[in-house]
Amino acid sequence: MFTGIVEEKGRVVSFVQGKAAWRLILSAKAALAGVATGDSIAVNGCCLTVTDFDAAAGTVGFDVLEETRRLTSFSALKAGSAVNLERSLRFDGKVGGHFVTGHIDGLGVIEILEKRGNDYYMRVRGPEDSGRHVVHKGSIAIDGISLTVAEVGGDSLAVWLIPTTINVTNLSEKRAGDPVNLEFDLLGKYVEKLTAFHSGRTA
């Protein structure tokens, strides 16, 4: 479980296909603090298991399933790409964003990302029929960043970003047309499932 509060912006050292899985190696600092093999780290909002790390070199490695690479923005990763990193939530930690599972619901595409006044405006189009999971002023995780929905229109949504969010996350290097991972609010998905069950529909 995560909170959607990005701890640092890491970098892809390499992302190559191995015999059993894709191998992702990242450079990191904060995410390596207290790390152990088997720990969970959200990479662009996707929960991955640490397979190895080198604290001296400042690197951490993961095995990535082909399905994960194909269904997320990982398909666009290459050496040098910026990634958002967050260690899993501790029971004695703070929940500054919202509960995020690290299980990506779908791939979005940035339609607009521009500075407006002192802040930034970003509009993202989600997968077909994904708009039903998004509510005005609700929460959404975009590339692992906990954000508040400012606008909803069909399958598109918009958020406002403060300069700090831009600077400390990979959004500083994103442009219109780039893919992003989307995780919709967990509570909303449960409500939809229960409502569909009681109405005799299948969610």
Protein backbone atom coordinates (compact mmCIF):
# COMPACT_ATOMS: atom_id res chain seq x y z
CA MET A 1 0.00 0.00 0.00
CA PHE A 2 1.19 3.52 -0.86
CA THR A 3 0.02 7.11 -0.41
CA GLY A 4 0.80 8.67 -3.77
CA ILE A 5 3.33 11.06 -2.22
CA VAL A 6 6.42 10.68 -4.40
CA GLU A 7 9.65 10.47 -2.39
CA GLU A 8 12.05 11.10 -5.21
CA LYS A 9 12.62 11.17 -8.94
CA GLY A 10 14.82 8.25 -9.92
CA ARG A 11 16.39 7.42 -13.28
CA VAL A 12 16.35 4.32 -15.43
CA VAL A 13 19.85 2.85 -15.69
CA SER A 14 18.73 0.01 -17.93
CA PHE A 15 15.56 -1.81 -18.95
CA VAL A 16 16.23 -4.93 -20.97
CA GLN A 17 14.50 -8.21 -21.66
CA GLY A 18 15.99 -11.21 -19.88
CA LYS A 19 15.29 -14.91 -20.20
CA ALA A 20 12.61 -14.98 -17.52
CA ALA A 21 11.52 -11.35 -17.26
CA TRP A 22 12.38 -7.78 -18.13
CA ARG A 23 15.13 -6.39 -15.89
CA LEU A 24 14.68 -2.84 -14.64
CA ILE A 25 17.57 -1.14 -12.86
CA LEU A 26 17.10 2.32 -11.41
CA SER A 27 19.33 4.87 -9.77
CA ALA A 28 17.87 6.11 -6.48
CA LYS A 29 18.73 7.65 -3.12
CA ALA A 30 15.75 8.09 -0.78
CA ALA A 31 14.11 4.86 -1.96
CA LEU A 32 17.22 2.92 -0.93
CA ALA A 33 17.01 3.98 2.71
CA GLY A 34 16.41 0.82 4.73
CA VAL A 35 15.65 -1.18 1.60
CA ALA A 36 15.71 -4.98 1.65
CA THR A 37 15.22 -7.66 -0.98
CA GLY A 38 11.50 -8.38 -1.27
CA ASP A 39 10.41 -4.86 -0.37
CA SER A 40 7.76 -3.13 -2.45
CA ILE A 41 8.49 0.15 -4.23
CA ALA A 42 6.04 2.02 -6.44
CA VAL A 43 7.69 2.94 -9.74
CA ASN A 44 5.50 5.40 -11.64
CA GLY A 45 2.71 4.12 -9.44
CA CYS A 46 3.28 0.45 -10.26
CA CYS A 47 4.09 -1.78 -7.29
CA LEU A 48 7.32 -3.71 -7.94
CA THR A 49 9.31 -6.09 -5.76
CA VAL A 50 12.97 -5.35 -5.08
CA THR A 51 15.07 -8.25 -6.36
CA ASP A 52 18.49 -6.75 -5.66
CA PHE A 53 20.16 -3.47 -4.81
CA ASP A 54 23.58 -1.88 -4.48
CA ALA A 55 23.57 0.85 -1.86
CA ALA A 56 27.13 1.90 -2.70
CA ALA A 57 26.30 2.35 -6.37
CA GLY A 58 22.86 3.80 -5.61
CA THR A 59 20.94 1.31 -7.73
CA VAL A 60 17.96 -0.96 -7.22
CA GLY A 61 16.73 -3.77 -9.48
CA PHE A 62 13.35 -5.30 -10.29
CA ASP A 63 11.97 -8.09 -12.46
CA VAL A 64 9.08 -6.86 -14.61
CA LEU A 65 6.49 -9.12 -16.22
CA GLU A 66 5.89 -8.76 -19.95
CA GLU A 67 2.22 -8.07 -19.16
CA THR A 68 3.20 -5.25 -16.80
CA ARG A 69 5.48 -3.68 -19.40
CA ARG A 70 2.82 -3.99 -22.08
CA LEU A 71 -0.12 -2.62 -20.08
CA THR A 72 1.65 0.31 -18.41
CA SER A 73 3.78 3.29 -19.36
CA PHE A 74 6.82 1.05 -18.78
CA SER A 75 6.73 0.29 -22.50
CA ALA A 76 8.06 3.83 -23.04
CA LEU A 77 10.91 3.56 -20.50
CA LYS A 78 14.50 3.73 -21.64
CA ALA A 79 17.88 4.52 -20.12
CA GLY A 80 17.74 8.01 -18.64
CA SER A 81 13.97 8.13 -18.22
CA ALA A 82 12.76 9.79 -15.04
CA VAL A 83 10.54 7.68 -12.76
CA ASN A 84 8.57 8.48 -9.62
CA LEU A 85 9.54 6.40 -6.60
CA GLU A 86 7.72 5.75 -3.34
CA ARG A 87 8.46 3.14 -0.71
CA SER A 88 5.51 1.22 0.70
CA LEU A 89 3.52 2.75 3.54
CA ARG A 90 4.71 2.11 7.09
CA PHE A 91 2.17 1.63 9.86
CA ASP A 92 3.82 4.46 11.77
CA GLY A 93 3.98 6.71 8.70
CA LYS A 94 1.87 9.61 7.49
CA VAL A 95 -0.86 9.36 4.86
CA GLY A 96 -0.45 12.65 3.05
CA GLY A 97 -2.22 11.67 -0.17
CA HIS A 98 -4.72 8.81 -0.44
CA PHE A 99 -4.53 5.03 -0.29
CA VAL A 100 -2.89 3.74 -3.47
CA THR A 101 -2.44 0.02 -4.12
CA GLY A 102 0.16 0.20 -6.87
CA HIS A 103 -2.08 -1.84 -9.20
CA ILE A 104 -2.49 0.11 -12.42
CA ASP A 105 -6.04 0.30 -13.81
CA GLY A 106 -5.16 1.60 -17.24
CA LEU A 107 -2.97 3.72 -19.44
CA GLY A 108 -3.73 7.39 -19.94
CA VAL A 109 -2.37 9.87 -22.46
CA ILE A 110 -1.51 13.47 -21.63
CA GLU A 111 -3.58 15.81 -23.79
CA ILE A 112 -2.47 19.12 -22.26
CA LEU A 113 0.37 19.97 -19.86
CA GLU A 114 1.07 23.69 -19.64
CA LYS A 115 1.82 26.47 -17.21
CA ARG A 116 -1.11 28.71 -16.41
CA GLY A 117 -0.18 31.58 -14.15
CA ASN A 118 1.99 30.26 -11.34
CA ASP A 119 0.60 26.73 -11.54
CA TYR A 120 0.32 23.97 -14.14
CA TYR A 121 -2.73 22.48 -15.82
CA MET A 122 -2.75 18.87 -17.02
CA ARG A 123 -5.50 17.06 -18.87
CA VAL A 124 -5.30 13.30 -19.36
CA ARG A 125 -7.46 11.01 -21.47
CA GLY A 126 -8.04 7.61 -19.91
CA PRO A 127 -9.07 4.32 -21.50
CA GLU A 128 -12.52 3.97 -23.01
CA ASP A 129 -15.30 4.09 -20.41
CA SER A 130 -12.86 4.97 -17.62
CA GLY A 131 -14.65 8.22 -16.85
CA ARG A 132 -17.12 6.38 -14.64
CA HIS A 133 -14.35 5.89 -12.10
CA VAL A 134 -13.54 9.59 -11.82
CA VAL A 135 -15.43 12.19 -9.80
CA HIS A 136 -14.92 15.92 -9.44
CA LYS A 137 -12.74 16.67 -6.40
CA GLY A 138 -12.00 12.97 -6.01
CA SER A 139 -8.56 11.39 -5.87
CA ILE A 140 -6.57 9.75 -8.65
CA ALA A 141 -2.99 8.49 -8.89
CA ILE A 142 -1.22 9.53 -12.11
CA ASP A 143 2.18 7.87 -12.49
CA GLY A 144 1.95 7.23 -8.76
CA ILE A 145 1.24 10.87 -7.82
CA SER A 146 -1.80 11.45 -5.63
CA LEU A 147 -3.79 14.25 -7.26
CA THR A 148 -7.20 15.86 -6.90
CA VAL A 149 -9.47 15.82 -9.93
CA ALA A 150 -10.41 19.36 -10.97
CA GLU A 151 -12.45 18.58 -14.09
CA VAL A 152 -14.16 15.54 -15.60
CA GLY A 153 -15.35 15.29 -19.18
CA GLY A 154 -16.15 11.89 -20.64
CA ASP A 155 -13.00 9.82 -20.34
CA SER A 156 -10.78 12.87 -19.83
CA LEU A 157 -9.88 14.46 -16.53
CA ALA A 158 -7.88 17.49 -15.52
CA VAL A 159 -5.75 18.32 -12.49
CA TRP A 160 -3.91 21.40 -11.30
CA LEU A 161 -0.29 21.05 -10.22
CA ILE A 162 1.84 23.25 -8.01
CA PRO A 163 5.42 23.95 -9.19
CA THR A 164 6.82 21.67 -6.46
CA THR A 165 4.92 18.68 -7.86
CA ILE A 166 6.32 19.40 -11.31
CA ASN A 167 9.87 19.78 -10.02
CA VAL A 168 10.07 16.69 -7.79
CA THR A 169 8.33 14.24 -10.13
CA ASN A 170 8.73 12.98 -13.68
CA LEU A 171 6.05 15.42 -14.86
CA SER A 172 8.82 17.96 -15.42
CA GLU A 173 9.86 15.84 -18.41
CA LYS A 174 6.40 14.90 -19.70
CA ARG A 175 4.79 16.37 -22.79
CA ALA A 176 1.43 16.12 -24.55
CA GLY A 177 1.11 12.67 -26.10
CA ASP A 178 3.14 10.90 -23.40
CA PRO A 179 1.62 7.87 -21.63
CA VAL A 180 0.94 7.83 -17.88
CA ASN A 181 -0.22 5.14 -15.48
CA LEU A 182 -3.65 5.62 -13.92
CA GLU A 183 -4.97 4.13 -10.70
CA PHE A 184 -8.51 5.13 -9.82
CA ASP A 185 -9.67 5.62 -6.26
CA LEU A 186 -10.01 2.27 -4.47
CA LEU A 187 -13.16 3.25 -2.58
CA GLY A 188 -14.94 4.22 -5.79
CA LYS A 189 -14.14 0.87 -7.39
CA TYR A 190 -15.55 -1.02 -4.40
CA VAL A 191 -18.71 1.10 -4.43
CA GLU A 192 -19.18 0.39 -8.14
CA LYS A 193 -18.69 -3.35 -7.58
CA LEU A 194 -21.17 -3.50 -4.71
CA THR A 195 -23.73 -1.36 -6.54
CA ALA A 196 -23.49 -3.58 -9.60
CA PHE A 197 -23.88 -6.70 -7.46
CA HIS A 198 -27.01 -5.44 -5.73
CA SER A 199 -28.53 -4.32 -9.02
CA GLY A 200 -27.89 -7.71 -10.61
CA ARG A 201 -25.23 -6.42 -13.01
CA THR A 202 -21.62 -7.59 -13.40
CA ALA A 203 -18.98 -4.92 -12.80
